[in-house]
Amino acid sequence: MADEFPWIQREHVRFRDCDAMGHVNNAVYSTYLEQARIDILGGLEPFILARVEIDFRAELRAGEDVEVRSRCSHLGTKSFELQHQIWASDRLVADAKSVLVGYDYAEGTSVPLTENQRRRLAA
């Protein structure tokens, strides 16, 4: 299954990632996804995050090792979608989706993806 997700970002759950209930706070999942996107995009920016969806499947606790597995599931003219799975050992703890848009920050407008960006995301 990991072969279907070419990008893998590894994280270690820190004590500070956990809430009063002893499990990883839901906002921390977004941080894990953000780090995965940074790893995938590298120097391909600028993009702007348009949407994030997370379906929580199981708890994460301090001390666990996590893999964020990602793939580009849709490549449009100006935007693309990344599909993510967050795993701890053999447990799927979350499914997620990120939608990013090519963006010109100086102009404040969306822009088409470049050929270089398209090649990287399609690889």
N, C-alpha and C. Protein backbone atom coordinates (compact mmCIF):
# COMPACT_ATOMS: atom_id res chain seq x y z
N MET A 1 0.81 -1.19 0.00
CA MET A 1 0.00 0.00 0.00
C MET A 1 0.86 1.26 0.00
N ALA A 2 2.00 1.25 0.68
CA ALA A 2 2.88 2.42 0.72
C ALA A 2 3.40 2.76 -0.67
N ASP A 3 3.48 1.75 -1.58
CA ASP A 3 3.94 2.00 -2.94
C ASP A 3 3.00 2.96 -3.68
N GLU A 4 1.72 2.95 -3.31
CA GLU A 4 0.75 3.82 -3.94
C GLU A 4 0.91 5.27 -3.49
N PHE A 5 1.65 5.49 -2.44
CA PHE A 5 1.87 6.82 -1.88
C PHE A 5 3.37 7.11 -1.93
N PRO A 6 3.82 7.79 -2.99
CA PRO A 6 5.26 7.94 -3.21
C PRO A 6 6.00 8.83 -2.22
N TRP A 7 5.28 9.71 -1.53
CA TRP A 7 5.95 10.59 -0.57
C TRP A 7 5.61 10.15 0.84
N ILE A 8 6.64 9.96 1.65
CA ILE A 8 6.44 9.55 3.04
C ILE A 8 7.21 10.51 3.94
N GLN A 9 6.47 11.11 4.87
CA GLN A 9 7.06 12.01 5.87
C GLN A 9 6.93 11.32 7.22
N ARG A 10 8.02 11.20 7.94
CA ARG A 10 7.99 10.55 9.25
C ARG A 10 8.00 11.59 10.36
N GLU A 11 7.21 11.32 11.37
CA GLU A 11 7.10 12.20 12.54
C GLU A 11 7.16 11.34 13.79
N HIS A 12 7.50 11.96 14.88
CA HIS A 12 7.46 11.30 16.19
C HIS A 12 6.53 12.13 17.06
N VAL A 13 5.54 11.49 17.65
CA VAL A 13 4.57 12.20 18.48
C VAL A 13 5.25 12.64 19.77
N ARG A 14 5.26 13.94 19.97
CA ARG A 14 5.85 14.51 21.17
C ARG A 14 4.78 14.68 22.26
N PHE A 15 5.21 14.76 23.49
CA PHE A 15 4.29 14.95 24.61
C PHE A 15 3.45 16.21 24.39
N ARG A 16 4.07 17.26 23.87
CA ARG A 16 3.36 18.53 23.67
C ARG A 16 2.30 18.45 22.57
N ASP A 17 2.33 17.39 21.75
CA ASP A 17 1.32 17.20 20.71
C ASP A 17 -0.02 16.73 21.30
N CYS A 18 0.02 16.29 22.54
CA CYS A 18 -1.15 15.67 23.16
C CYS A 18 -1.96 16.67 23.98
N ASP A 19 -3.26 16.38 24.07
CA ASP A 19 -4.15 17.24 24.85
C ASP A 19 -4.40 16.62 26.22
N ALA A 20 -5.31 17.21 26.97
CA ALA A 20 -5.59 16.75 28.33
C ALA A 20 -6.15 15.33 28.37
N MET A 21 -6.68 14.86 27.27
CA MET A 21 -7.21 13.50 27.21
C MET A 21 -6.12 12.46 26.94
N GLY A 22 -4.89 12.93 26.67
CA GLY A 22 -3.77 12.02 26.48
C GLY A 22 -3.55 11.57 25.05
N HIS A 23 -4.34 12.08 24.12
CA HIS A 23 -4.11 11.71 22.72
C HIS A 23 -3.77 12.96 21.91
N VAL A 24 -3.25 12.74 20.71
CA VAL A 24 -2.82 13.85 19.86
C VAL A 24 -4.02 14.75 19.56
N ASN A 25 -3.83 16.03 19.80
CA ASN A 25 -4.87 17.02 19.54
C ASN A 25 -5.14 17.10 18.04
N ASN A 26 -6.40 17.31 17.66
CA ASN A 26 -6.77 17.31 16.25
C ASN A 26 -6.00 18.35 15.43
N ALA A 27 -5.65 19.49 16.01
CA ALA A 27 -4.92 20.53 15.27
C ALA A 27 -3.51 20.07 14.89
N VAL A 28 -2.94 19.16 15.64
CA VAL A 28 -1.59 18.67 15.37
C VAL A 28 -1.57 17.85 14.07
N TYR A 29 -2.66 17.18 13.75
CA TYR A 29 -2.73 16.45 12.49
C TYR A 29 -2.49 17.40 11.32
N SER A 30 -3.04 18.61 11.42
CA SER A 30 -2.82 19.61 10.37
C SER A 30 -1.35 19.98 10.25
N THR A 31 -0.66 20.02 11.38
CA THR A 31 0.78 20.29 11.36
C THR A 31 1.53 19.16 10.66
N TYR A 32 1.17 17.92 10.95
CA TYR A 32 1.79 16.78 10.28
C TYR A 32 1.57 16.88 8.76
N LEU A 33 0.36 17.23 8.35
CA LEU A 33 0.05 17.36 6.92
C LEU A 33 0.82 18.51 6.30
N GLU A 34 0.94 19.60 7.03
CA GLU A 34 1.70 20.75 6.52
C GLU A 34 3.15 20.37 6.26
N GLN A 35 3.76 19.63 7.18
CA GLN A 35 5.14 19.22 7.00
C GLN A 35 5.28 18.29 5.80
N ALA A 36 4.29 17.43 5.59
CA ALA A 36 4.31 16.54 4.42
C ALA A 36 4.23 17.37 3.14
N ARG A 37 3.37 18.39 3.12
CA ARG A 37 3.25 19.24 1.92
C ARG A 37 4.55 19.97 1.65
N ILE A 38 5.20 20.47 2.68
CA ILE A 38 6.49 21.16 2.52
C ILE A 38 7.51 20.21 1.92
N ASP A 39 7.53 18.97 2.39
CA ASP A 39 8.46 17.97 1.87
C ASP A 39 8.17 17.67 0.40
N ILE A 40 6.91 17.57 0.04
CA ILE A 40 6.53 17.27 -1.34
C ILE A 40 6.85 18.44 -2.27
N LEU A 41 6.49 19.63 -1.86
CA LEU A 41 6.59 20.79 -2.74
C LEU A 41 8.00 21.35 -2.85
N GLY A 42 8.79 21.20 -1.81
CA GLY A 42 10.16 21.71 -1.86
C GLY A 42 10.21 23.11 -2.43
N GLY A 43 10.95 23.29 -3.51
CA GLY A 43 11.09 24.60 -4.13
C GLY A 43 10.03 24.90 -5.16
N LEU A 44 8.92 24.18 -5.16
CA LEU A 44 7.89 24.37 -6.18
C LEU A 44 6.89 25.46 -5.83
N GLU A 45 7.06 26.10 -4.72
CA GLU A 45 6.10 27.13 -4.33
C GLU A 45 6.17 28.28 -5.32
N PRO A 46 5.26 29.18 -5.41
CA PRO A 46 4.26 29.49 -4.38
C PRO A 46 2.90 28.85 -4.64
N PHE A 47 2.35 28.37 -3.58
CA PHE A 47 1.00 27.82 -3.57
C PHE A 47 0.26 28.42 -2.39
N ILE A 48 -1.03 28.29 -2.42
CA ILE A 48 -1.85 28.67 -1.28
C ILE A 48 -2.76 27.49 -0.96
N LEU A 49 -2.92 27.22 0.30
CA LEU A 49 -3.77 26.11 0.73
C LEU A 49 -5.23 26.55 0.64
N ALA A 50 -6.03 25.79 -0.09
CA ALA A 50 -7.43 26.14 -0.28
C ALA A 50 -8.36 25.29 0.59
N ARG A 51 -7.94 24.06 0.90
CA ARG A 51 -8.85 23.17 1.63
C ARG A 51 -8.06 22.05 2.30
N VAL A 52 -8.51 21.66 3.47
CA VAL A 52 -7.99 20.47 4.15
C VAL A 52 -9.18 19.72 4.74
N GLU A 53 -9.21 18.42 4.51
CA GLU A 53 -10.22 17.54 5.12
C GLU A 53 -9.47 16.44 5.86
N ILE A 54 -9.92 16.14 7.06
CA ILE A 54 -9.31 15.06 7.84
C ILE A 54 -10.41 14.18 8.41
N ASP A 55 -10.30 12.88 8.17
CA ASP A 55 -11.17 11.90 8.80
C ASP A 55 -10.33 11.13 9.80
N PHE A 56 -10.66 11.27 11.07
CA PHE A 56 -9.91 10.62 12.14
C PHE A 56 -10.39 9.19 12.30
N ARG A 57 -9.44 8.25 12.32
CA ARG A 57 -9.79 6.82 12.38
C ARG A 57 -9.40 6.15 13.70
N ALA A 58 -8.31 6.62 14.32
CA ALA A 58 -7.84 6.00 15.56
C ALA A 58 -7.00 7.01 16.33
N GLU A 59 -6.80 6.75 17.60
CA GLU A 59 -6.01 7.64 18.45
C GLU A 59 -4.52 7.53 18.17
N LEU A 60 -3.84 8.63 18.42
CA LEU A 60 -2.38 8.66 18.48
C LEU A 60 -2.00 9.12 19.88
N ARG A 61 -0.92 8.58 20.39
CA ARG A 61 -0.46 8.95 21.73
C ARG A 61 1.02 9.31 21.70
N ALA A 62 1.46 9.99 22.73
CA ALA A 62 2.87 10.41 22.85
C ALA A 62 3.78 9.20 22.71
N GLY A 63 4.90 9.42 22.01
CA GLY A 63 5.90 8.38 21.84
C GLY A 63 5.73 7.53 20.60
N GLU A 64 4.58 7.61 19.95
CA GLU A 64 4.38 6.81 18.74
C GLU A 64 5.10 7.43 17.55
N ASP A 65 5.50 6.57 16.63
CA ASP A 65 6.07 7.02 15.36
C ASP A 65 4.97 7.02 14.32
N VAL A 66 4.99 8.04 13.48
CA VAL A 66 3.92 8.26 12.52
C VAL A 66 4.52 8.38 11.12
N GLU A 67 3.80 7.86 10.13
CA GLU A 67 4.12 8.08 8.73
C GLU A 67 2.95 8.79 8.07
N VAL A 68 3.26 9.91 7.42
CA VAL A 68 2.26 10.58 6.59
C VAL A 68 2.58 10.19 5.15
N ARG A 69 1.72 9.39 4.57
CA ARG A 69 1.90 8.91 3.20
C ARG A 69 1.04 9.78 2.28
N SER A 70 1.63 10.27 1.21
CA SER A 70 0.93 11.22 0.34
C SER A 70 1.10 10.88 -1.13
N ARG A 71 0.10 11.30 -1.90
CA ARG A 71 0.17 11.18 -3.36
C ARG A 71 -0.68 12.30 -3.96
N CYS A 72 -0.36 12.65 -5.18
CA CYS A 72 -1.16 13.62 -5.92
C CYS A 72 -2.31 12.84 -6.56
N SER A 73 -3.52 13.13 -6.14
CA SER A 73 -4.68 12.39 -6.64
C SER A 73 -5.44 13.14 -7.73
N HIS A 74 -5.15 14.41 -7.91
CA HIS A 74 -5.77 15.18 -8.99
C HIS A 74 -4.86 16.35 -9.35
N LEU A 75 -4.69 16.58 -10.63
CA LEU A 75 -3.85 17.66 -11.13
C LEU A 75 -4.68 18.47 -12.12
N GLY A 76 -5.06 19.69 -11.72
CA GLY A 76 -5.86 20.55 -12.57
C GLY A 76 -5.00 21.59 -13.26
N THR A 77 -5.63 22.61 -13.79
CA THR A 77 -4.93 23.69 -14.48
C THR A 77 -4.22 24.61 -13.49
N LYS A 78 -4.93 25.00 -12.43
CA LYS A 78 -4.39 25.91 -11.43
C LYS A 78 -4.26 25.28 -10.04
N SER A 79 -4.83 24.12 -9.86
CA SER A 79 -4.84 23.51 -8.54
C SER A 79 -4.51 22.03 -8.61
N PHE A 80 -4.24 21.47 -7.46
CA PHE A 80 -4.01 20.03 -7.36
C PHE A 80 -4.46 19.56 -5.99
N GLU A 81 -4.71 18.26 -5.92
CA GLU A 81 -5.16 17.65 -4.68
C GLU A 81 -4.15 16.62 -4.23
N LEU A 82 -3.81 16.66 -2.96
CA LEU A 82 -2.97 15.64 -2.35
C LEU A 82 -3.84 14.78 -1.44
N GLN A 83 -3.71 13.50 -1.60
CA GLN A 83 -4.38 12.55 -0.72
C GLN A 83 -3.34 12.06 0.29
N HIS A 84 -3.73 12.00 1.55
CA HIS A 84 -2.81 11.60 2.62
C HIS A 84 -3.43 10.47 3.45
N GLN A 85 -2.55 9.62 3.94
CA GLN A 85 -2.91 8.65 4.97
C GLN A 85 -1.90 8.80 6.09
N ILE A 86 -2.38 8.84 7.31
CA ILE A 86 -1.49 8.92 8.48
C ILE A 86 -1.55 7.57 9.18
N TRP A 87 -0.37 6.96 9.30
CA TRP A 87 -0.24 5.63 9.88
C TRP A 87 0.63 5.67 11.14
N ALA A 88 0.29 4.83 12.10
CA ALA A 88 1.13 4.55 13.26
C ALA A 88 1.24 3.03 13.33
N SER A 89 2.44 2.53 13.12
CA SER A 89 2.65 1.08 13.00
C SER A 89 1.74 0.55 11.90
N ASP A 90 0.87 -0.39 12.24
CA ASP A 90 -0.01 -0.98 11.23
C ASP A 90 -1.43 -0.41 11.31
N ARG A 91 -1.59 0.72 12.02
CA ARG A 91 -2.91 1.33 12.19
C ARG A 91 -3.06 2.58 11.32
N LEU A 92 -4.11 2.62 10.54
CA LEU A 92 -4.47 3.84 9.82
C LEU A 92 -5.16 4.75 10.83
N VAL A 93 -4.55 5.88 11.14
CA VAL A 93 -5.13 6.76 12.16
C VAL A 93 -5.91 7.93 11.54
N ALA A 94 -5.64 8.25 10.27
CA ALA A 94 -6.40 9.32 9.62
C ALA A 94 -6.24 9.25 8.11
N ASP A 95 -7.31 9.63 7.42
CA ASP A 95 -7.30 9.89 5.98
C ASP A 95 -7.45 11.40 5.84
N ALA A 96 -6.76 11.99 4.85
CA ALA A 96 -6.87 13.43 4.68
C ALA A 96 -6.71 13.82 3.22
N LYS A 97 -7.14 15.03 2.93
CA LYS A 97 -7.02 15.58 1.59
C LYS A 97 -6.64 17.04 1.73
N SER A 98 -5.68 17.49 0.89
CA SER A 98 -5.28 18.89 0.83
C SER A 98 -5.46 19.36 -0.61
N VAL A 99 -6.06 20.52 -0.78
CA VAL A 99 -6.18 21.13 -2.10
C VAL A 99 -5.33 22.39 -2.09
N LEU A 100 -4.41 22.50 -3.05
CA LEU A 100 -3.54 23.66 -3.15
C LEU A 100 -3.72 24.32 -4.51
N VAL A 101 -3.51 25.61 -4.54
CA VAL A 101 -3.70 26.40 -5.75
C VAL A 101 -2.43 27.18 -6.04
N GLY A 102 -1.99 27.16 -7.31
CA GLY A 102 -0.89 28.02 -7.72
C GLY A 102 -1.28 29.46 -7.46
N TYR A 103 -0.37 30.26 -6.89
CA TYR A 103 -0.77 31.59 -6.44
C TYR A 103 0.34 32.59 -6.64
N ASP A 104 -0.03 33.76 -7.14
CA ASP A 104 0.89 34.89 -7.28
C ASP A 104 0.60 35.83 -6.12
N TYR A 105 1.48 35.81 -5.13
CA TYR A 105 1.26 36.61 -3.92
C TYR A 105 1.36 38.10 -4.20
N ALA A 106 2.18 38.52 -5.15
CA ALA A 106 2.31 39.94 -5.48
C ALA A 106 1.01 40.47 -6.08
N GLU A 107 0.38 39.65 -6.93
CA GLU A 107 -0.86 40.07 -7.60
C GLU A 107 -2.11 39.69 -6.81
N GLY A 108 -1.95 38.74 -5.89
CA GLY A 108 -3.10 38.29 -5.11
C GLY A 108 -4.11 37.50 -5.92
N THR A 109 -3.60 36.67 -6.84
CA THR A 109 -4.49 35.92 -7.72
C THR A 109 -3.94 34.52 -7.99
N SER A 110 -4.83 33.61 -8.35
CA SER A 110 -4.40 32.26 -8.71
C SER A 110 -3.73 32.28 -10.08
N VAL A 111 -2.83 31.33 -10.27
CA VAL A 111 -2.09 31.24 -11.54
C VAL A 111 -2.02 29.77 -11.96
N PRO A 112 -1.87 29.52 -13.26
CA PRO A 112 -1.73 28.13 -13.73
C PRO A 112 -0.45 27.48 -13.17
N LEU A 113 -0.51 26.17 -12.99
CA LEU A 113 0.67 25.42 -12.58
C LEU A 113 1.68 25.44 -13.71
N THR A 114 2.96 25.50 -13.36
CA THR A 114 4.01 25.48 -14.38
C THR A 114 4.27 24.04 -14.80
N GLU A 115 4.96 23.87 -15.91
CA GLU A 115 5.30 22.52 -16.38
C GLU A 115 6.19 21.81 -15.37
N ASN A 116 7.12 22.53 -14.75
CA ASN A 116 7.99 21.95 -13.73
C ASN A 116 7.16 21.43 -12.55
N GLN A 117 6.20 22.23 -12.11
CA GLN A 117 5.33 21.81 -11.01
C GLN A 117 4.51 20.59 -11.40
N ARG A 118 3.99 20.59 -12.63
CA ARG A 118 3.18 19.48 -13.10
C ARG A 118 3.99 18.17 -13.16
N ARG A 119 5.25 18.28 -13.64
CA ARG A 119 6.13 17.09 -13.71
C ARG A 119 6.39 16.53 -12.31
N ARG A 120 6.71 17.41 -11.37
CA ARG A 120 7.01 16.96 -10.00
C ARG A 120 5.81 16.28 -9.37
N LEU A 121 4.64 16.86 -9.54
CA LEU A 121 3.44 16.32 -8.92
C LEU A 121 2.95 15.05 -9.60
N ALA A 122 3.23 14.90 -10.87
CA ALA A 122 2.79 13.71 -11.62
C ALA A 122 3.77 12.55 -11.45
N ALA A 123 4.97 12.83 -10.97
CA ALA A 123 6.01 11.80 -10.84
C ALA A 123 5.64 10.73 -9.83
